[in-house]
PDB file of N, CA and C in Angstrom:
ATOM      1  N   MET A   1      12.305 -24.123  -0.015  1.00  0.00           N
ATOM      2  CA  MET A   1      11.268 -23.141  -0.190  1.00  0.00           C
ATOM      3  C   MET A   1      11.716 -21.833   0.468  1.00  0.00           C
ATOM      4  N   THR A   2      11.518 -20.740  -0.215  1.00  0.00           N
ATOM      5  CA  THR A   2      11.883 -19.445   0.342  1.00  0.00           C
ATOM      6  C   THR A   2      10.628 -18.733   0.826  1.00  0.00           C
ATOM      7  N   THR A   3      10.808 -17.898   1.805  1.00  0.00           N
ATOM      8  CA  THR A   3       9.680 -17.120   2.304  1.00  0.00           C
ATOM      9  C   THR A   3       9.927 -15.660   2.019  1.00  0.00           C
ATOM     10  N   GLN A   4       8.855 -14.950   1.793  1.00  0.00           N
ATOM     11  CA  GLN A   4       8.953 -13.522   1.521  1.00  0.00           C
ATOM     12  C   GLN A   4       9.126 -12.777   2.836  1.00  0.00           C
ATOM     13  N   ASN A   5      10.002 -11.790   2.839  1.00  0.00           N
ATOM     14  CA  ASN A   5      10.207 -10.970   4.019  1.00  0.00           C
ATOM     15  C   ASN A   5       8.966 -10.119   4.259  1.00  0.00           C
ATOM     16  N   THR A   6       8.365 -10.263   5.422  1.00  0.00           N
ATOM     17  CA  THR A   6       7.185  -9.463   5.731  1.00  0.00           C
ATOM     18  C   THR A   6       7.569  -8.318   6.644  1.00  0.00           C
ATOM     19  N   ASN A   7       6.785  -7.272   6.599  1.00  0.00           N
ATOM     20  CA  ASN A   7       7.056  -6.079   7.381  1.00  0.00           C
ATOM     21  C   ASN A   7       6.162  -6.001   8.611  1.00  0.00           C
ATOM     22  N   THR A   8       5.689  -7.127   9.103  1.00  0.00           N
ATOM     23  CA  THR A   8       4.708  -7.111  10.182  1.00  0.00           C
ATOM     24  C   THR A   8       5.266  -6.539  11.475  1.00  0.00           C
ATOM     25  N   ALA A   9       6.587  -6.520  11.650  1.00  0.00           N
ATOM     26  CA  ALA A   9       7.164  -5.963  12.869  1.00  0.00           C
ATOM     27  C   ALA A   9       7.157  -4.438  12.842  1.00  0.00           C
ATOM     28  N   ASP A  10       6.983  -3.849  11.690  1.00  0.00           N
ATOM     29  CA  ASP A  10       7.002  -2.400  11.520  1.00  0.00           C
ATOM     30  C   ASP A  10       5.576  -1.870  11.613  1.00  0.00           C
ATOM     31  N   PRO A  11       5.262  -1.062  12.632  1.00  0.00           N
ATOM     32  CA  PRO A  11       3.885  -0.556  12.773  1.00  0.00           C
ATOM     33  C   PRO A  11       3.437   0.295  11.585  1.00  0.00           C
ATOM     34  N   SER A  12       4.359   0.968  10.927  1.00  0.00           N
ATOM     35  CA  SER A  12       3.964   1.793   9.789  1.00  0.00           C
ATOM     36  C   SER A  12       3.503   0.930   8.615  1.00  0.00           C
ATOM     37  N   TRP A  13       3.915  -0.330   8.568  1.00  0.00           N
ATOM     38  CA  TRP A  13       3.476  -1.260   7.520  1.00  0.00           C
ATOM     39  C   TRP A  13       1.966  -1.469   7.613  1.00  0.00           C
ATOM     40  N   THR A  14       1.480  -1.706   8.814  1.00  0.00           N
ATOM     41  CA  THR A  14       0.043  -1.904   9.020  1.00  0.00           C
ATOM     42  C   THR A  14      -0.738  -0.639   8.686  1.00  0.00           C
ATOM     43  N   ILE A  15      -0.233   0.485   9.124  1.00  0.00           N
ATOM     44  CA  ILE A  15      -0.892   1.757   8.837  1.00  0.00           C
ATOM     45  C   ILE A  15      -0.888   2.026   7.331  1.00  0.00           C
ATOM     46  N   PHE A  16       0.212   1.671   6.664  1.00  0.00           N
ATOM     47  CA  PHE A  16       0.303   1.856   5.217  1.00  0.00           C
ATOM     48  C   PHE A  16      -0.768   1.042   4.493  1.00  0.00           C
ATOM     49  N   ILE A  17      -0.924  -0.218   4.858  1.00  0.00           N
ATOM     50  CA  ILE A  17      -1.930  -1.068   4.224  1.00  0.00           C
ATOM     51  C   ILE A  17      -3.331  -0.501   4.461  1.00  0.00           C
ATOM     52  N   GLU A  18      -3.609  -0.062   5.679  1.00  0.00           N
ATOM     53  CA  GLU A  18      -4.919   0.525   5.981  1.00  0.00           C
ATOM     54  C   GLU A  18      -5.155   1.799   5.169  1.00  0.00           C
ATOM     55  N   THR A  19      -4.139   2.628   5.067  1.00  0.00           N
ATOM     56  CA  THR A  19      -4.257   3.875   4.315  1.00  0.00           C
ATOM     57  C   THR A  19      -4.476   3.596   2.842  1.00  0.00           C
ATOM     58  N   LEU A  20      -3.705   2.672   2.293  1.00  0.00           N
ATOM     59  CA  LEU A  20      -3.847   2.312   0.884  1.00  0.00           C
ATOM     60  C   LEU A  20      -5.216   1.695   0.620  1.00  0.00           C
ATOM     61  N   SER A  21      -5.666   0.840   1.521  1.00  0.00           N
ATOM     62  CA  SER A  21      -6.975   0.222   1.362  1.00  0.00           C
ATOM     63  C   SER A  21      -8.092   1.262   1.467  1.00  0.00           C
ATOM     64  N   ASP A  22      -7.942   2.206   2.382  1.00  0.00           N
ATOM     65  CA  ASP A  22      -8.941   3.282   2.506  1.00  0.00           C
ATOM     66  C   ASP A  22      -9.050   4.079   1.206  1.00  0.00           C
ATOM     67  N   GLU A  23      -7.918   4.376   0.608  1.00  0.00           N
ATOM     68  CA  GLU A  23      -7.916   5.139  -0.649  1.00  0.00           C
ATOM     69  C   GLU A  23      -8.574   4.347  -1.779  1.00  0.00           C
ATOM     70  N   PHE A  24      -8.234   3.057  -1.889  1.00  0.00           N
ATOM     71  CA  PHE A  24      -8.869   2.218  -2.914  1.00  0.00           C
ATOM     72  C   PHE A  24     -10.375   2.128  -2.674  1.00  0.00           C
ATOM     73  N   THR A  25     -10.782   1.952  -1.424  1.00  0.00           N
ATOM     74  CA  THR A  25     -12.196   1.833  -1.099  1.00  0.00           C
ATOM     75  C   THR A  25     -12.941   3.130  -1.414  1.00  0.00           C
ATOM     76  N   ALA A  26     -12.355   4.251  -1.072  1.00  0.00           N
ATOM     77  CA  ALA A  26     -12.997   5.540  -1.340  1.00  0.00           C
ATOM     78  C   ALA A  26     -13.158   5.782  -2.837  1.00  0.00           C
ATOM     79  N   ARG A  27     -12.196   5.363  -3.623  1.00  0.00           N
ATOM     80  CA  ARG A  27     -12.227   5.637  -5.055  1.00  0.00           C
ATOM     81  C   ARG A  27     -13.021   4.592  -5.839  1.00  0.00           C
ATOM     82  N   THR A  28     -12.938   3.318  -5.412  1.00  0.00           N
ATOM     83  CA  THR A  28     -13.523   2.253  -6.227  1.00  0.00           C
ATOM     84  C   THR A  28     -14.610   1.440  -5.521  1.00  0.00           C
ATOM     85  N   GLY A  29     -14.655   1.529  -4.197  1.00  0.00           N
ATOM     86  CA  GLY A  29     -15.609   0.716  -3.451  1.00  0.00           C
ATOM     87  C   GLY A  29     -15.051  -0.627  -3.025  1.00  0.00           C
ATOM     88  N   PHE A  30     -13.809  -0.910  -3.390  1.00  0.00           N
ATOM     89  CA  PHE A  30     -13.166  -2.176  -3.028  1.00  0.00           C
ATOM     90  C   PHE A  30     -11.800  -1.894  -2.435  1.00  0.00           C
ATOM     91  N   GLY A  31     -11.363  -2.735  -1.494  1.00  0.00           N
ATOM     92  CA  GLY A  31     -10.088  -2.546  -0.821  1.00  0.00           C
ATOM     93  C   GLY A  31      -8.880  -2.857  -1.694  1.00  0.00           C
ATOM     94  N   VAL A  32      -7.732  -2.705  -1.098  1.00  0.00           N
ATOM     95  CA  VAL A  32      -6.460  -2.804  -1.812  1.00  0.00           C
ATOM     96  C   VAL A  32      -6.274  -4.160  -2.496  1.00  0.00           C
ATOM     97  N   TYR A  33      -6.599  -5.253  -1.817  1.00  0.00           N
ATOM     98  CA  TYR A  33      -6.318  -6.576  -2.370  1.00  0.00           C
ATOM     99  C   TYR A  33      -7.282  -6.994  -3.480  1.00  0.00           C
ATOM    100  N   ALA A  34      -8.297  -6.203  -3.728  1.00  0.00           N
ATOM    101  CA  ALA A  34      -9.160  -6.440  -4.886  1.00  0.00           C
ATOM    102  C   ALA A  34      -8.500  -5.916  -6.158  1.00  0.00           C
ATOM    103  N   HIS A  35      -7.473  -5.099  -5.998  1.00  0.00           N
ATOM    104  CA  HIS A  35      -6.838  -4.448  -7.141  1.00  0.00           C
ATOM    105  C   HIS A  35      -5.403  -4.890  -7.389  1.00  0.00           C
ATOM    106  N   ILE A  36      -4.639  -5.088  -6.321  1.00  0.00           N
ATOM    107  CA  ILE A  36      -3.230  -5.435  -6.484  1.00  0.00           C
ATOM    108  C   ILE A  36      -2.878  -6.600  -5.569  1.00  0.00           C
ATOM    109  N   THR A  37      -1.780  -7.252  -5.879  1.00  0.00           N
ATOM    110  CA  THR A  37      -1.350  -8.425  -5.121  1.00  0.00           C
ATOM    111  C   THR A  37      -0.568  -8.004  -3.876  1.00  0.00           C
ATOM    112  N   PRO A  38      -0.396  -8.918  -2.933  1.00  0.00           N
ATOM    113  CA  PRO A  38       0.440  -8.610  -1.765  1.00  0.00           C
ATOM    114  C   PRO A  38       1.873  -8.211  -2.145  1.00  0.00           C
ATOM    115  N   VAL A  39       2.402  -8.798  -3.197  1.00  0.00           N
ATOM    116  CA  VAL A  39       3.742  -8.429  -3.664  1.00  0.00           C
ATOM    117  C   VAL A  39       3.741  -6.975  -4.131  1.00  0.00           C
ATOM    118  N   ASP A  40       2.687  -6.562  -4.838  1.00  0.00           N
ATOM    119  CA  ASP A  40       2.574  -5.167  -5.269  1.00  0.00           C
ATOM    120  C   ASP A  40       2.465  -4.223  -4.080  1.00  0.00           C
ATOM    121  N   VAL A  41       1.758  -4.634  -3.036  1.00  0.00           N
ATOM    122  CA  VAL A  41       1.637  -3.815  -1.834  1.00  0.00           C
ATOM    123  C   VAL A  41       3.011  -3.639  -1.204  1.00  0.00           C
ATOM    124  N   ASP A  42       3.774  -4.717  -1.133  1.00  0.00           N
ATOM    125  CA  ASP A  42       5.124  -4.637  -0.567  1.00  0.00           C
ATOM    126  C   ASP A  42       6.008  -3.702  -1.400  1.00  0.00           C
ATOM    127  N   GLN A  43       5.908  -3.786  -2.707  1.00  0.00           N
ATOM    128  CA  GLN A  43       6.684  -2.900  -3.577  1.00  0.00           C
ATOM    129  C   GLN A  43       6.250  -1.450  -3.401  1.00  0.00           C
ATOM    130  N   ALA A  44       4.963  -1.220  -3.245  1.00  0.00           N
ATOM    131  CA  ALA A  44       4.463   0.137  -3.012  1.00  0.00           C
ATOM    132  C   ALA A  44       4.990   0.676  -1.690  1.00  0.00           C
ATOM    133  N   TYR A  45       5.053  -0.173  -0.683  1.00  0.00           N
ATOM    134  CA  TYR A  45       5.575   0.246   0.617  1.00  0.00           C
ATOM    135  C   TYR A  45       7.053   0.627   0.515  1.00  0.00           C
ATOM    136  N   GLN A  46       7.807  -0.173  -0.217  1.00  0.00           N
ATOM    137  CA  GLN A  46       9.227   0.146  -0.413  1.00  0.00           C
ATOM    138  C   GLN A  46       9.378   1.478  -1.144  1.00  0.00           C
ATOM    139  N   GLU A  47       8.545   1.707  -2.141  1.00  0.00           N
ATOM    140  CA  GLU A  47       8.567   2.960  -2.883  1.00  0.00           C
ATOM    141  C   GLU A  47       8.190   4.130  -1.974  1.00  0.00           C
ATOM    142  N   TYR A  48       7.178   3.937  -1.145  1.00  0.00           N
ATOM    143  CA  TYR A  48       6.759   4.970  -0.197  1.00  0.00           C
ATOM    144  C   TYR A  48       7.909   5.350   0.725  1.00  0.00           C
ATOM    145  N   GLN A  49       8.626   4.376   1.243  1.00  0.00           N
ATOM    146  CA  GLN A  49       9.731   4.644   2.155  1.00  0.00           C
ATOM    147  C   GLN A  49      10.853   5.435   1.472  1.00  0.00           C
ATOM    148  N   GLN A  50      11.063   5.202   0.195  1.00  0.00           N
ATOM    149  CA  GLN A  50      12.120   5.900  -0.526  1.00  0.00           C
ATOM    150  C   GLN A  50      11.723   7.317  -0.908  1.00  0.00           C
ATOM    151  N   ARG A  51      10.446   7.569  -1.114  1.00  0.00           N
ATOM    152  CA  ARG A  51       9.992   8.883  -1.576  1.00  0.00           C
ATOM    153  C   ARG A  51       9.964   9.947  -0.498  1.00  0.00           C
ATOM    154  N   ASN A  52       9.842   9.560   0.744  1.00  0.00           N
ATOM    155  CA  ASN A  52       9.802  10.527   1.841  1.00  0.00           C
ATOM    156  C   ASN A  52       8.643  11.519   1.674  1.00  0.00           C
ATOM    157  N   ALA A  53       7.499  11.007   1.284  1.00  0.00           N
ATOM    158  CA  ALA A  53       6.280  11.816   1.118  1.00  0.00           C
ATOM    159  C   ALA A  53       5.293  11.419   2.210  1.00  0.00           C
ATOM    160  N   PRO A  54       4.341  12.283   2.537  1.00  0.00           N
ATOM    161  CA  PRO A  54       3.305  11.890   3.502  1.00  0.00           C
ATOM    162  C   PRO A  54       2.547  10.654   2.999  1.00  0.00           C
ATOM    163  N   MET A  55       2.231   9.757   3.918  1.00  0.00           N
ATOM    164  CA  MET A  55       1.618   8.491   3.556  1.00  0.00           C
ATOM    165  C   MET A  55       0.306   8.674   2.793  1.00  0.00           C
ATOM    166  N   ARG A  56      -0.560   9.550   3.278  1.00  0.00           N
ATOM    167  CA  ARG A  56      -1.869   9.746   2.639  1.00  0.00           C
ATOM    168  C   ARG A  56      -1.690  10.267   1.212  1.00  0.00           C
ATOM    169  N   LEU A  57      -0.767  11.187   1.013  1.00  0.00           N
ATOM    170  CA  LEU A  57      -0.505  11.736  -0.320  1.00  0.00           C
ATOM    171  C   LEU A  57       0.049  10.660  -1.250  1.00  0.00           C
ATOM    172  N   PHE A  58       0.987   9.863  -0.751  1.00  0.00           N
ATOM    173  CA  PHE A  58       1.529   8.778  -1.554  1.00  0.00           C
ATOM    174  C   PHE A  58       0.423   7.804  -1.948  1.00  0.00           C
ATOM    175  N   ALA A  59      -0.415   7.415  -0.978  1.00  0.00           N
ATOM    176  CA  ALA A  59      -1.498   6.460  -1.247  1.00  0.00           C
ATOM    177  C   ALA A  59      -2.463   7.018  -2.282  1.00  0.00           C
ATOM    178  N   ARG A  60      -2.807   8.278  -2.156  1.00  0.00           N
ATOM    179  CA  ARG A  60      -3.733   8.907  -3.111  1.00  0.00           C
ATOM    180  C   ARG A  60      -3.148   8.885  -4.525  1.00  0.00           C
ATOM    181  N   ASP A  61      -1.888   9.239  -4.653  1.00  0.00           N
ATOM    182  CA  ASP A  61      -1.240   9.227  -5.965  1.00  0.00           C
ATOM    183  C   ASP A  61      -1.109   7.810  -6.517  1.00  0.00           C
ATOM    184  N   TYR A  62      -0.781   6.865  -5.646  1.00  0.00           N
ATOM    185  CA  TYR A  62      -0.643   5.475  -6.066  1.00  0.00           C
ATOM    186  C   TYR A  62      -1.971   4.923  -6.579  1.00  0.00           C
ATOM    187  N   VAL A  63      -3.034   5.154  -5.836  1.00  0.00           N
ATOM    188  CA  VAL A  63      -4.359   4.646  -6.226  1.00  0.00           C
ATOM    189  C   VAL A  63      -4.818   5.296  -7.543  1.00  0.00           C
ATOM    190  N   ARG A  64      -4.496   6.542  -7.702  1.00  0.00           N
ATOM    191  CA  ARG A  64      -4.884   7.240  -8.932  1.00  0.00           C
ATOM    192  C   ARG A  64      -4.321   6.550 -10.175  1.00  0.00           C
ATOM    193  N   THR A  65      -3.160   5.928 -10.068  1.00  0.00           N
ATOM    194  CA  THR A  65      -2.569   5.236 -11.216  1.00  0.00           C
ATOM    195  C   THR A  65      -3.275   3.919 -11.523  1.00  0.00           C
ATOM    196  N   TYR A  66      -4.006   3.358 -10.546  1.00  0.00           N
ATOM    197  CA  TYR A  66      -4.689   2.063 -10.729  1.00  0.00           C
ATOM    198  C   TYR A  66      -6.192   2.183 -10.931  1.00  0.00           C
ATOM    199  N   ALA A  67      -6.784   3.228 -10.424  1.00  0.00           N
ATOM    200  CA  ALA A  67      -8.252   3.333 -10.486  1.00  0.00           C
ATOM    201  C   ALA A  67      -8.723   3.988 -11.748  1.00  0.00           C
TER     202      ALA A  67
END
């Protein structure tokens, strides 16, 4: 059995999830996991790290594509 690499040691991972969830909640009334899977959250985090954009701006743009 393989395990998925988690980013729990990285403090920005927790802040990213909170920021993404805040954006989903503000736009739809439901948090991040009501809309996307944990795997999607991990992929979004990887994309965020590569884009070098402010976290709030990235989250807002990301949520806009799903809401």
